[in-house]
Amino acid sequence: ETAGPPPWEGAAAAVPLVVRGPGFAPAE
């Protein structure tokens, strides 16, 4: 969550998943 999107994000055709902590919440 603390990191901005990388410059290559648009070219990756990937689905973004922002993690809001050191582990993964159930939805993540």
ModelCIF file with pLDDT and N, C-alpha, C, O atoms, coordinates in Angstrom:
data_MODEL
#
_entry.id   MODEL 
#
_entity.id                         1 
_entity.type                       polymer 
_entity.pdbx_number_of_molecules   1 
#
_entity_poly.entity_id                      1 
_entity_poly.type                           'polypeptide(L)' 
_entity_poly.nstd_linkage                   no 
_entity_poly.nstd_monomer                   no 
_entity_poly.pdbx_seq_one_letter_code       ETAGPPPWEGAAAAVPLVVRGPGFAPAE 
_entity_poly.pdbx_seq_one_letter_code_can   ETAGPPPWEGAAAAVPLVVRGPGFAPAE 
_entity_poly.pdbx_strand_id                 A 
#
loop_
_entity_poly_seq.entity_id 
_entity_poly_seq.num 
_entity_poly_seq.mon_id 
_entity_poly_seq.hetero 
1 1  GLU n 
1 2  THR n 
1 3  ALA n 
1 4  GLY n 
1 5  PRO n 
1 6  PRO n 
1 7  PRO n 
1 8  TRP n 
1 9  GLU n 
1 10 GLY n 
1 11 ALA n 
1 12 ALA n 
1 13 ALA n 
1 14 ALA n 
1 15 VAL n 
1 16 PRO n 
1 17 LEU n 
1 18 VAL n 
1 19 VAL n 
1 20 ARG n 
1 21 GLY n 
1 22 PRO n 
1 23 GLY n 
1 24 PHE n 
1 25 ALA n 
1 26 PRO n 
1 27 ALA n 
1 28 GLU n 
#
_struct_asym.id          A 
_struct_asym.entity_id   1 
#
loop_
_ma_qa_metric.id 
_ma_qa_metric.mode 
_ma_qa_metric.name 
_ma_qa_metric.software_group_id 
_ma_qa_metric.type 
1 global pLDDT . pLDDT 
2 local  pLDDT . pLDDT 
#
_ma_qa_metric_global.metric_id      1 
_ma_qa_metric_global.metric_value   81.04 
_ma_qa_metric_global.model_id       1 
_ma_qa_metric_global.ordinal_id     1 
#
loop_
_ma_qa_metric_local.label_asym_id 
_ma_qa_metric_local.label_comp_id 
_ma_qa_metric_local.label_seq_id 
_ma_qa_metric_local.metric_id 
_ma_qa_metric_local.metric_value 
_ma_qa_metric_local.model_id 
_ma_qa_metric_local.ordinal_id 
A GLU 1  2 81.00 1 1  
A THR 2  2 81.00 1 2  
A ALA 3  2 81.00 1 3  
A GLY 4  2 82.00 1 4  
A PRO 5  2 83.00 1 5  
A PRO 6  2 84.00 1 6  
A PRO 7  2 82.00 1 7  
A TRP 8  2 80.00 1 8  
A GLU 9  2 81.00 1 9  
A GLY 10 2 80.00 1 10 
A ALA 11 2 81.00 1 11 
A ALA 12 2 80.00 1 12 
A ALA 13 2 80.00 1 13 
A ALA 14 2 84.00 1 14 
A VAL 15 2 85.00 1 15 
A PRO 16 2 83.00 1 16 
A LEU 17 2 85.00 1 17 
A VAL 18 2 82.00 1 18 
A VAL 19 2 84.00 1 19 
A ARG 20 2 79.00 1 20 
A GLY 21 2 69.00 1 21 
A PRO 22 2 67.00 1 22 
A GLY 23 2 74.00 1 23 
A PHE 24 2 81.00 1 24 
A ALA 25 2 83.00 1 25 
A PRO 26 2 87.00 1 26 
A ALA 27 2 84.00 1 27 
A GLU 28 2 86.00 1 28 
#
loop_
_atom_site.group_PDB 
_atom_site.id 
_atom_site.type_symbol 
_atom_site.label_atom_id 
_atom_site.label_alt_id 
_atom_site.label_comp_id 
_atom_site.label_asym_id 
_atom_site.label_entity_id 
_atom_site.label_seq_id 
_atom_site.pdbx_PDB_ins_code 
_atom_site.Cartn_x 
_atom_site.Cartn_y 
_atom_site.Cartn_z 
_atom_site.occupancy 
_atom_site.B_iso_or_equiv 
_atom_site.pdbx_formal_charge 
_atom_site.auth_seq_id 
_atom_site.auth_comp_id 
_atom_site.auth_asym_id 
_atom_site.auth_atom_id 
_atom_site.pdbx_PDB_model_num 
ATOM 1   N N  . GLU A 1 1  ? 0.825  -1.205  0.000   1.00 81.00 ? 1  GLU A N  1 
ATOM 2   C CA . GLU A 1 1  ? 0.000  0.000   0.000   1.00 81.00 ? 1  GLU A CA 1 
ATOM 3   C C  . GLU A 1 1  ? 0.864  1.262   0.000   1.00 81.00 ? 1  GLU A C  1 
ATOM 4   O O  . GLU A 1 1  ? 0.475  2.287   -0.560  1.00 81.00 ? 1  GLU A O  1 
ATOM 5   N N  . THR A 1 2  ? 2.029  1.183   0.626   1.00 81.00 ? 2  THR A N  1 
ATOM 6   C CA . THR A 1 2  ? 2.905  2.347   0.733   1.00 81.00 ? 2  THR A CA 1 
ATOM 7   C C  . THR A 1 2  ? 3.700  2.619   -0.537  1.00 81.00 ? 2  THR A C  1 
ATOM 8   O O  . THR A 1 2  ? 4.317  3.678   -0.657  1.00 81.00 ? 2  THR A O  1 
ATOM 9   N N  . ALA A 1 3  ? 3.698  1.695   -1.478  1.00 81.00 ? 3  ALA A N  1 
ATOM 10  C CA . ALA A 1 3  ? 4.459  1.865   -2.719  1.00 81.00 ? 3  ALA A CA 1 
ATOM 11  C C  . ALA A 1 3  ? 3.550  2.356   -3.834  1.00 81.00 ? 3  ALA A C  1 
ATOM 12  O O  . ALA A 1 3  ? 2.397  1.936   -3.937  1.00 81.00 ? 3  ALA A O  1 
ATOM 13  N N  . GLY A 1 4  ? 4.065  3.231   -4.654  1.00 82.00 ? 4  GLY A N  1 
ATOM 14  C CA . GLY A 1 4  ? 3.308  3.672   -5.818  1.00 82.00 ? 4  GLY A CA 1 
ATOM 15  C C  . GLY A 1 4  ? 3.407  2.644   -6.926  1.00 82.00 ? 4  GLY A C  1 
ATOM 16  O O  . GLY A 1 4  ? 4.202  1.709   -6.832  1.00 82.00 ? 4  GLY A O  1 
ATOM 17  N N  . PRO A 1 5  ? 2.623  2.799   -7.959  1.00 83.00 ? 5  PRO A N  1 
ATOM 18  C CA . PRO A 1 5  ? 2.695  1.855   -9.067  1.00 83.00 ? 5  PRO A CA 1 
ATOM 19  C C  . PRO A 1 5  ? 4.043  1.962   -9.789  1.00 83.00 ? 5  PRO A C  1 
ATOM 20  O O  . PRO A 1 5  ? 4.565  3.062   -9.968  1.00 83.00 ? 5  PRO A O  1 
ATOM 21  N N  . PRO A 1 6  ? 4.601  0.829   -10.200 1.00 84.00 ? 6  PRO A N  1 
ATOM 22  C CA . PRO A 1 6  ? 5.873  0.876   -10.927 1.00 84.00 ? 6  PRO A CA 1 
ATOM 23  C C  . PRO A 1 6  ? 5.664  1.460   -12.329 1.00 84.00 ? 6  PRO A C  1 
ATOM 24  O O  . PRO A 1 6  ? 4.550  1.428   -12.850 1.00 84.00 ? 6  PRO A O  1 
ATOM 25  N N  . PRO A 1 7  ? 6.712  1.984   -12.933 1.00 82.00 ? 7  PRO A N  1 
ATOM 26  C CA . PRO A 1 7  ? 6.563  2.608   -14.252 1.00 82.00 ? 7  PRO A CA 1 
ATOM 27  C C  . PRO A 1 7  ? 6.140  1.626   -15.346 1.00 82.00 ? 7  PRO A C  1 
ATOM 28  O O  . PRO A 1 7  ? 5.598  2.043   -16.370 1.00 82.00 ? 7  PRO A O  1 
ATOM 29  N N  . TRP A 1 8  ? 6.377  0.349   -15.146 1.00 80.00 ? 8  TRP A N  1 
ATOM 30  C CA . TRP A 1 8  ? 6.043  -0.650  -16.158 1.00 80.00 ? 8  TRP A CA 1 
ATOM 31  C C  . TRP A 1 8  ? 4.643  -1.238  -15.964 1.00 80.00 ? 8  TRP A C  1 
ATOM 32  O O  . TRP A 1 8  ? 4.260  -2.146  -16.702 1.00 80.00 ? 8  TRP A O  1 
ATOM 33  N N  . GLU A 1 9  ? 3.876  -0.750  -14.999 1.00 81.00 ? 9  GLU A N  1 
ATOM 34  C CA . GLU A 1 9  ? 2.569  -1.338  -14.699 1.00 81.00 ? 9  GLU A CA 1 
ATOM 35  C C  . GLU A 1 9  ? 1.638  -1.377  -15.906 1.00 81.00 ? 9  GLU A C  1 
ATOM 36  O O  . GLU A 1 9  ? 0.990  -2.396  -16.148 1.00 81.00 ? 9  GLU A O  1 
ATOM 37  N N  . GLY A 1 10 ? 1.560  -0.310  -16.653 1.00 80.00 ? 10 GLY A N  1 
ATOM 38  C CA . GLY A 1 10 ? 0.662  -0.263  -17.801 1.00 80.00 ? 10 GLY A CA 1 
ATOM 39  C C  . GLY A 1 10 ? 1.020  -1.254  -18.895 1.00 80.00 ? 10 GLY A C  1 
ATOM 40  O O  . GLY A 1 10 ? 0.133  -1.748  -19.591 1.00 80.00 ? 10 GLY A O  1 
ATOM 41  N N  . ALA A 1 11 ? 2.287  -1.550  -19.057 1.00 81.00 ? 11 ALA A N  1 
ATOM 42  C CA . ALA A 1 11 ? 2.725  -2.474  -20.098 1.00 81.00 ? 11 ALA A CA 1 
ATOM 43  C C  . ALA A 1 11 ? 2.590  -3.933  -19.688 1.00 81.00 ? 11 ALA A C  1 
ATOM 44  O O  . ALA A 1 11 ? 2.710  -4.823  -20.530 1.00 81.00 ? 11 ALA A O  1 
ATOM 45  N N  . ALA A 1 12 ? 2.345  -4.188  -18.418 1.00 80.00 ? 12 ALA A N  1 
ATOM 46  C CA . ALA A 1 12 ? 2.327  -5.566  -17.927 1.00 80.00 ? 12 ALA A CA 1 
ATOM 47  C C  . ALA A 1 12 ? 1.002  -6.276  -18.155 1.00 80.00 ? 12 ALA A C  1 
ATOM 48  O O  . ALA A 1 12 ? 0.955  -7.503  -18.081 1.00 80.00 ? 12 ALA A O  1 
ATOM 49  N N  . ALA A 1 13 ? -0.079 -5.546  -18.431 1.00 80.00 ? 13 ALA A N  1 
ATOM 50  C CA . ALA A 1 13 ? -1.406 -6.151  -18.588 1.00 80.00 ? 13 ALA A CA 1 
ATOM 51  C C  . ALA A 1 13 ? -1.747 -7.039  -17.397 1.00 80.00 ? 13 ALA A C  1 
ATOM 52  O O  . ALA A 1 13 ? -2.313 -8.121  -17.554 1.00 80.00 ? 13 ALA A O  1 
ATOM 53  N N  . ALA A 1 14 ? -1.395 -6.568  -16.210 1.00 84.00 ? 14 ALA A N  1 
ATOM 54  C CA . ALA A 1 14 ? -1.629 -7.324  -14.984 1.00 84.00 ? 14 ALA A CA 1 
ATOM 55  C C  . ALA A 1 14 ? -2.731 -6.671  -14.168 1.00 84.00 ? 14 ALA A C  1 
ATOM 56  O O  . ALA A 1 14 ? -3.013 -5.482  -14.315 1.00 84.00 ? 14 ALA A O  1 
ATOM 57  N N  . VAL A 1 15 ? -3.340 -7.460  -13.314 1.00 85.00 ? 15 VAL A N  1 
ATOM 58  C CA . VAL A 1 15 ? -4.377 -6.968  -12.418 1.00 85.00 ? 15 VAL A CA 1 
ATOM 59  C C  . VAL A 1 15 ? -3.697 -6.477  -11.141 1.00 85.00 ? 15 VAL A C  1 
ATOM 60  O O  . VAL A 1 15 ? -3.019 -7.266  -10.482 1.00 85.00 ? 15 VAL A O  1 
ATOM 61  N N  . PRO A 1 16 ? -3.850 -5.212  -10.767 1.00 83.00 ? 16 PRO A N  1 
ATOM 62  C CA . PRO A 1 16 ? -3.191 -4.713  -9.553  1.00 83.00 ? 16 PRO A CA 1 
ATOM 63  C C  . PRO A 1 16 ? -3.809 -5.318  -8.285  1.00 83.00 ? 16 PRO A C  1 
ATOM 64  O O  . PRO A 1 16 ? -5.028 -5.463  -8.188  1.00 83.00 ? 16 PRO A O  1 
ATOM 65  N N  . LEU A 1 17 ? -2.969 -5.661  -7.331  1.00 85.00 ? 17 LEU A N  1 
ATOM 66  C CA . LEU A 1 17 ? -3.395 -6.108  -6.011  1.00 85.00 ? 17 LEU A CA 1 
ATOM 67  C C  . LEU A 1 17 ? -2.554 -5.352  -4.994  1.00 85.00 ? 17 LEU A C  1 
ATOM 68  O O  . LEU A 1 17 ? -1.354 -5.593  -4.866  1.00 85.00 ? 17 LEU A O  1 
ATOM 69  N N  . VAL A 1 18 ? -3.188 -4.439  -4.274  1.00 82.00 ? 18 VAL A N  1 
ATOM 70  C CA . VAL A 1 18 ? -2.485 -3.635  -3.280  1.00 82.00 ? 18 VAL A CA 1 
ATOM 71  C C  . VAL A 1 18 ? -2.647 -4.318  -1.930  1.00 82.00 ? 18 VAL A C  1 
ATOM 72  O O  . VAL A 1 18 ? -3.767 -4.549  -1.473  1.00 82.00 ? 18 VAL A O  1 
ATOM 73  N N  . VAL A 1 19 ? -1.528 -4.638  -1.296  1.00 84.00 ? 19 VAL A N  1 
ATOM 74  C CA . VAL A 1 19 ? -1.523 -5.334  -0.010  1.00 84.00 ? 19 VAL A CA 1 
ATOM 75  C C  . VAL A 1 19 ? -1.409 -4.295  1.091   1.00 84.00 ? 19 VAL A C  1 
ATOM 76  O O  . VAL A 1 19 ? -0.521 -3.443  1.059   1.00 84.00 ? 19 VAL A O  1 
ATOM 77  N N  . ARG A 1 20 ? -2.292 -4.362  2.051   1.00 79.00 ? 20 ARG A N  1 
ATOM 78  C CA . ARG A 1 20 ? -2.368 -3.353  3.094   1.00 79.00 ? 20 ARG A CA 1 
ATOM 79  C C  . ARG A 1 20 ? -1.728 -3.781  4.399   1.00 79.00 ? 20 ARG A C  1 
ATOM 80  O O  . ARG A 1 20 ? -2.235 -3.439  5.467   1.00 79.00 ? 20 ARG A O  1 
ATOM 81  N N  . GLY A 1 21 ? -0.658 -4.498  4.347   1.00 69.00 ? 21 GLY A N  1 
ATOM 82  C CA . GLY A 1 21 ? 0.029  -4.897  5.573   1.00 69.00 ? 21 GLY A CA 1 
ATOM 83  C C  . GLY A 1 21 ? 1.078  -5.939  5.270   1.00 69.00 ? 21 GLY A C  1 
ATOM 84  O O  . GLY A 1 21 ? 1.263  -6.316  4.112   1.00 69.00 ? 21 GLY A O  1 
ATOM 85  N N  . PRO A 1 22 ? 1.768  -6.412  6.292   1.00 67.00 ? 22 PRO A N  1 
ATOM 86  C CA . PRO A 1 22 ? 2.840  -7.381  6.053   1.00 67.00 ? 22 PRO A CA 1 
ATOM 87  C C  . PRO A 1 22 ? 2.324  -8.738  5.592   1.00 67.00 ? 22 PRO A C  1 
ATOM 88  O O  . PRO A 1 22 ? 3.044  -9.468  4.911   1.00 67.00 ? 22 PRO A O  1 
ATOM 89  N N  . GLY A 1 23 ? 1.102  -9.087  5.947   1.00 74.00 ? 23 GLY A N  1 
ATOM 90  C CA . GLY A 1 23 ? 0.510  -10.348 5.504   1.00 74.00 ? 23 GLY A CA 1 
ATOM 91  C C  . GLY A 1 23 ? -0.570 -10.070 4.486   1.00 74.00 ? 23 GLY A C  1 
ATOM 92  O O  . GLY A 1 23 ? -0.604 -8.994  3.888   1.00 74.00 ? 23 GLY A O  1 
ATOM 93  N N  . PHE A 1 24 ? -1.438 -11.014 4.287   1.00 81.00 ? 24 PHE A N  1 
ATOM 94  C CA . PHE A 1 24 ? -2.525 -10.840 3.343   1.00 81.00 ? 24 PHE A CA 1 
ATOM 95  C C  . PHE A 1 24 ? -3.849 -10.955 4.074   1.00 81.00 ? 24 PHE A C  1 
ATOM 96  O O  . PHE A 1 24 ? -4.082 -11.925 4.796   1.00 81.00 ? 24 PHE A O  1 
ATOM 97  N N  . ALA A 1 25 ? -4.717 -9.971  3.891   1.00 83.00 ? 25 ALA A N  1 
ATOM 98  C CA . ALA A 1 25 ? -6.073 -10.039 4.428   1.00 83.00 ? 25 ALA A CA 1 
ATOM 99  C C  . ALA A 1 25 ? -6.834 -11.106 3.631   1.00 83.00 ? 25 ALA A C  1 
ATOM 100 O O  . ALA A 1 25 ? -6.424 -11.445 2.520   1.00 83.00 ? 25 ALA A O  1 
ATOM 101 N N  . PRO A 1 26 ? -7.922 -11.634 4.171   1.00 87.00 ? 26 PRO A N  1 
ATOM 102 C CA . PRO A 1 26 ? -8.671 -12.672 3.447   1.00 87.00 ? 26 PRO A CA 1 
ATOM 103 C C  . PRO A 1 26 ? -9.070 -12.261 2.022   1.00 87.00 ? 26 PRO A C  1 
ATOM 104 O O  . PRO A 1 26 ? -8.983 -13.078 1.104   1.00 87.00 ? 26 PRO A O  1 
ATOM 105 N N  . ALA A 1 27 ? -9.499 -11.029 1.827   1.00 84.00 ? 27 ALA A N  1 
ATOM 106 C CA . ALA A 1 27 ? -9.882 -10.588 0.479   1.00 84.00 ? 27 ALA A CA 1 
ATOM 107 C C  . ALA A 1 27 ? -8.673 -10.553 -0.455  1.00 84.00 ? 27 ALA A C  1 
ATOM 108 O O  . ALA A 1 27 ? -8.788 -10.882 -1.635  1.00 84.00 ? 27 ALA A O  1 
ATOM 109 N N  . GLU A 1 28 ? -7.517 -10.155 0.074   1.00 86.00 ? 28 GLU A N  1 
ATOM 110 C CA . GLU A 1 28 ? -6.293 -10.136 -0.741  1.00 86.00 ? 28 GLU A CA 1 
ATOM 111 C C  . GLU A 1 28 ? -5.852 -11.559 -1.071  1.00 86.00 ? 28 GLU A C  1 
ATOM 112 O O  . GLU A 1 28 ? -4.842 -11.752 -1.749  1.00 86.00 ? 28 GLU A O  1 
#
